[in-house]
N, C-alpha and C. Protein backbone atom coordinates (compact mmCIF):
# COMPACT_ATOMS: atom_id res chain seq x y z
N MET A 1 36.02 -101.67 100.43
CA MET A 1 35.94 -100.98 99.38
C MET A 1 37.68 -99.92 99.11
N ALA A 2 37.95 -100.37 98.17
CA ALA A 2 38.74 -99.86 97.83
C ALA A 2 38.85 -98.25 98.97
N ILE A 3 37.70 -97.33 98.03
CA ILE A 3 37.45 -95.91 98.01
C ILE A 3 37.88 -95.80 99.63
N LEU A 4 37.16 -96.54 100.35
CA LEU A 4 37.15 -95.92 101.88
C LEU A 4 38.54 -96.67 102.69
N ARG A 5 39.21 -97.33 101.50
CA ARG A 5 40.55 -97.20 102.77
C ARG A 5 41.58 -96.45 101.73
N MET A 6 41.63 -95.55 101.18
CA MET A 6 41.68 -94.37 100.05
C MET A 6 41.51 -93.36 101.31
N ILE A 7 40.20 -92.98 101.41
CA ILE A 7 39.86 -92.24 102.57
C ILE A 7 40.47 -92.64 103.91
N LYS A 8 40.45 -93.37 104.63
CA LYS A 8 41.06 -93.69 105.48
C LYS A 8 42.37 -93.23 105.56
N LYS A 9 42.96 -93.84 104.83
CA LYS A 9 44.52 -93.63 104.53
C LYS A 9 45.10 -91.63 104.34
N SER A 10 43.91 -91.17 103.47
CA SER A 10 44.80 -89.90 103.58
C SER A 10 44.28 -89.02 104.75
N SER A 11 43.06 -89.37 105.29
CA SER A 11 42.71 -88.53 106.24
C SER A 11 43.59 -88.69 107.47
N ALA A 12 43.98 -89.68 107.82
CA ALA A 12 44.40 -89.85 109.10
C ALA A 12 46.35 -88.87 108.97
N THR A 13 46.39 -88.55 107.84
CA THR A 13 47.59 -87.76 107.87
C THR A 13 47.07 -86.41 107.57
N ARG A 14 45.68 -85.87 107.58
CA ARG A 14 45.71 -84.54 107.54
C ARG A 14 44.87 -84.25 108.62
N ASP A 15 44.54 -82.85 109.08
CA ASP A 15 43.75 -82.27 109.62
C ASP A 15 41.83 -82.15 109.19
N ILE A 16 41.70 -83.08 109.31
CA ILE A 16 40.41 -83.05 108.41
C ILE A 16 39.24 -83.56 109.60
N PRO A 17 38.14 -82.65 110.12
CA PRO A 17 37.05 -83.35 111.07
C PRO A 17 36.62 -84.72 111.06
N LYS A 18 36.46 -85.09 111.93
CA LYS A 18 35.92 -86.45 112.29
C LYS A 18 34.22 -86.46 111.13
N GLY A 19 34.33 -87.55 110.37
CA GLY A 19 33.00 -87.84 109.60
C GLY A 19 33.02 -87.29 108.35
N HIS A 20 34.19 -86.18 108.22
CA HIS A 20 34.75 -85.79 106.51
C HIS A 20 36.04 -86.49 105.93
N PHE A 21 35.88 -86.17 104.74
CA PHE A 21 37.35 -86.17 104.09
C PHE A 21 37.88 -85.47 103.12
N ALA A 22 39.11 -86.04 102.37
CA ALA A 22 39.50 -84.26 101.42
C ALA A 22 39.52 -85.01 100.16
N VAL A 23 39.11 -84.38 99.42
CA VAL A 23 39.05 -84.50 97.82
C VAL A 23 40.02 -83.47 97.33
N TYR A 24 40.67 -83.71 96.35
CA TYR A 24 41.33 -82.68 95.24
C TYR A 24 40.20 -82.56 93.83
N VAL A 25 40.17 -81.32 93.24
CA VAL A 25 39.24 -81.11 92.28
C VAL A 25 39.54 -80.22 91.73
N GLY A 26 39.98 -79.90 90.37
CA GLY A 26 39.94 -78.98 89.59
C GLY A 26 40.84 -79.75 88.18
N GLU A 27 40.71 -78.96 86.82
CA GLU A 27 41.14 -79.88 85.62
C GLU A 27 42.55 -79.42 85.55
N MET A 28 43.48 -78.53 85.81
CA MET A 28 44.75 -78.25 85.94
C MET A 28 45.20 -78.15 87.26
N GLN A 29 44.84 -77.27 87.74
CA GLN A 29 44.93 -76.82 89.09
C GLN A 29 43.99 -77.85 89.55
N LYS A 30 44.86 -78.34 90.72
CA LYS A 30 43.77 -78.99 92.06
C LYS A 30 43.99 -78.34 93.50
N LYS A 31 42.18 -78.06 93.85
CA LYS A 31 42.50 -77.40 95.08
C LYS A 31 41.78 -78.25 95.59
N ARG A 32 41.83 -78.22 97.45
CA ARG A 32 41.77 -79.34 98.48
C ARG A 32 40.37 -79.32 98.84
N PHE A 33 39.18 -79.99 98.64
CA PHE A 33 37.60 -79.79 99.49
C PHE A 33 37.36 -80.70 100.72
N VAL A 34 37.21 -79.95 102.10
CA VAL A 34 37.06 -81.71 102.65
C VAL A 34 35.72 -81.19 102.89
N ILE A 35 34.78 -82.12 102.99
CA ILE A 35 33.41 -82.80 102.69
C ILE A 35 32.79 -83.77 103.72
N PRO A 36 32.01 -84.17 103.46
CA PRO A 36 31.18 -85.03 104.65
C PRO A 36 31.31 -86.17 103.73
N ILE A 37 31.40 -87.72 104.99
CA ILE A 37 31.14 -88.84 104.35
C ILE A 37 30.29 -89.06 104.13
N SER A 38 28.79 -88.36 103.97
CA SER A 38 27.89 -89.05 103.75
C SER A 38 27.90 -88.47 102.06
N PHE A 39 28.19 -87.79 101.52
CA PHE A 39 28.15 -87.74 100.24
C PHE A 39 28.24 -88.53 99.75
N LEU A 40 29.62 -89.88 100.46
CA LEU A 40 29.19 -91.05 99.71
C LEU A 40 28.01 -92.09 99.11
N SER A 41 27.14 -91.47 100.00
CA SER A 41 26.26 -92.03 99.20
C SER A 41 25.54 -91.69 98.45
N GLU A 42 25.32 -90.78 97.48
CA GLU A 42 24.94 -89.64 97.31
C GLU A 42 24.98 -90.26 95.78
N PRO A 43 23.73 -90.10 94.75
CA PRO A 43 24.20 -91.18 93.41
C PRO A 43 25.15 -90.19 92.01
N LEU A 44 24.70 -88.52 93.12
CA LEU A 44 25.79 -87.94 92.47
C LEU A 44 27.10 -87.60 92.44
N PHE A 45 27.32 -87.74 93.63
CA PHE A 45 28.45 -87.75 93.96
C PHE A 45 29.21 -89.31 93.59
N GLN A 46 28.79 -90.72 93.85
CA GLN A 46 28.94 -91.52 93.19
C GLN A 46 29.05 -91.59 91.92
N ASP A 47 28.76 -90.73 91.01
CA ASP A 47 29.03 -90.24 89.44
C ASP A 47 30.62 -90.11 89.09
N LEU A 48 30.74 -88.93 90.22
CA LEU A 48 31.63 -88.25 90.23
C LEU A 48 32.76 -89.47 90.69
N LEU A 49 32.65 -90.11 91.72
CA LEU A 49 34.04 -90.80 91.88
C LEU A 49 34.19 -91.91 90.81
N SER A 50 32.78 -92.38 90.48
CA SER A 50 33.30 -93.45 88.74
C SER A 50 33.97 -92.72 88.12
N GLN A 51 33.77 -91.25 87.48
CA GLN A 51 34.96 -90.88 86.89
C GLN A 51 36.45 -90.69 87.29
N SER A 52 36.18 -90.63 88.81
CA SER A 52 37.85 -90.49 88.86
C SER A 52 38.64 -92.14 88.64
N GLU A 53 37.44 -92.89 88.87
CA GLU A 53 38.36 -94.34 89.24
C GLU A 53 39.01 -94.83 87.65
N GLU A 54 38.24 -94.50 86.53
CA GLU A 54 38.16 -94.47 85.45
C GLU A 54 39.03 -93.71 85.57
N GLU A 55 39.69 -92.33 85.45
CA GLU A 55 40.01 -91.32 85.40
C GLU A 55 41.79 -91.87 85.72
N PHE A 56 42.10 -92.10 87.30
CA PHE A 56 43.31 -92.36 88.16
C PHE A 56 43.31 -94.17 88.30
N GLY A 57 41.95 -94.90 88.26
CA GLY A 57 42.49 -95.45 88.86
C GLY A 57 42.12 -95.43 90.78
N PHE A 58 43.19 -96.28 91.31
CA PHE A 58 43.08 -96.22 92.96
C PHE A 58 44.34 -95.24 92.83
N ASP A 59 45.03 -95.30 92.12
CA ASP A 59 46.38 -94.34 92.31
C ASP A 59 45.89 -93.40 91.68
N HIS A 60 45.95 -91.97 93.17
CA HIS A 60 45.62 -90.57 92.92
C HIS A 60 46.87 -89.99 92.75
N PRO A 61 47.20 -89.00 92.14
CA PRO A 61 48.65 -88.77 92.06
C PRO A 61 48.49 -87.28 93.22
N MET A 62 48.00 -86.87 94.11
CA MET A 62 47.58 -85.98 95.59
C MET A 62 47.81 -86.59 96.44
N GLY A 63 47.61 -88.24 96.54
CA GLY A 63 47.88 -88.64 97.52
C GLY A 63 46.43 -88.88 98.46
N GLY A 64 45.93 -88.15 97.86
CA GLY A 64 44.13 -88.42 98.28
C GLY A 64 43.10 -88.49 96.93
N VAL A 65 41.70 -88.85 97.00
CA VAL A 65 40.36 -88.96 96.13
C VAL A 65 40.95 -87.58 95.34
N THR A 66 40.79 -87.92 93.77
CA THR A 66 41.18 -86.27 92.97
C THR A 66 39.92 -86.67 92.10
N ILE A 67 38.92 -85.86 92.35
CA ILE A 67 37.81 -85.57 91.20
C ILE A 67 38.24 -84.84 89.76
N PRO A 68 38.03 -85.41 88.64
CA PRO A 68 38.28 -84.48 87.78
C PRO A 68 36.97 -83.74 87.07
N CYS A 69 36.94 -82.84 87.53
CA CYS A 69 36.01 -81.73 87.24
C CYS A 69 36.40 -80.45 87.82
N SER A 70 35.44 -80.30 87.15
CA SER A 70 36.27 -78.58 87.33
C SER A 70 35.71 -77.82 88.40
N GLU A 71 36.40 -76.67 89.17
CA GLU A 71 35.85 -76.21 90.86
C GLU A 71 34.40 -75.69 90.46
N ASP A 72 34.07 -75.30 89.80
CA ASP A 72 32.59 -74.67 89.43
C ASP A 72 31.59 -75.53 89.69
N LEU A 73 31.75 -76.72 88.96
CA LEU A 73 30.85 -77.72 89.26
C LEU A 73 30.71 -78.56 90.12
N PHE A 74 31.95 -79.09 90.60
CA PHE A 74 32.32 -79.60 92.62
C PHE A 74 31.52 -78.87 93.28
N ILE A 75 31.43 -77.69 93.33
CA ILE A 75 31.08 -76.08 94.05
C ILE A 75 29.58 -76.61 94.36
N ASP A 76 28.82 -76.57 92.70
CA ASP A 76 27.41 -76.37 92.58
C ASP A 76 26.78 -77.98 92.78
N LEU A 77 27.59 -79.16 92.30
CA LEU A 77 27.53 -80.04 92.90
C LEU A 77 26.75 -80.12 94.58
N THR A 78 28.18 -80.21 95.34
CA THR A 78 27.99 -80.05 97.05
C THR A 78 27.38 -78.96 97.05
N SER A 79 26.50 -77.92 96.65
CA SER A 79 25.87 -77.04 97.43
C SER A 79 24.50 -77.68 97.46
N ARG A 80 24.49 -78.28 95.81
CA ARG A 80 23.41 -78.85 95.37
C ARG A 80 22.71 -80.04 96.86
N LEU A 81 23.99 -81.13 97.23
CA LEU A 81 23.76 -82.44 98.10
C LEU A 81 23.62 -81.45 100.05
N ARG A 82 23.89 -80.50 99.86
CA ARG A 82 24.25 -79.79 100.98
C ARG A 82 22.29 -79.10 102.01
N LYS A 83 21.89 -79.48 100.59
CA LYS A 83 20.28 -78.75 100.55
C LYS A 83 19.40 -80.25 100.98
């Protein structure tokens, strides 16, 4: 799966705890978030990844996965996934 190769590649060069990966979120300014890999199996998060693939393909400008949504929406979604 291409997204997992991207995560492994970007995670290897950053200070990211084991079992987590970095994503960049925001419509204009991009902010880096470190989230658990377990989110990859969540349907809500998979929808965001599909949107990311449609907008960027697998050529992400920040060097990691870029999620094309507002920070507020992303924080709300990840808060729900953590419960």
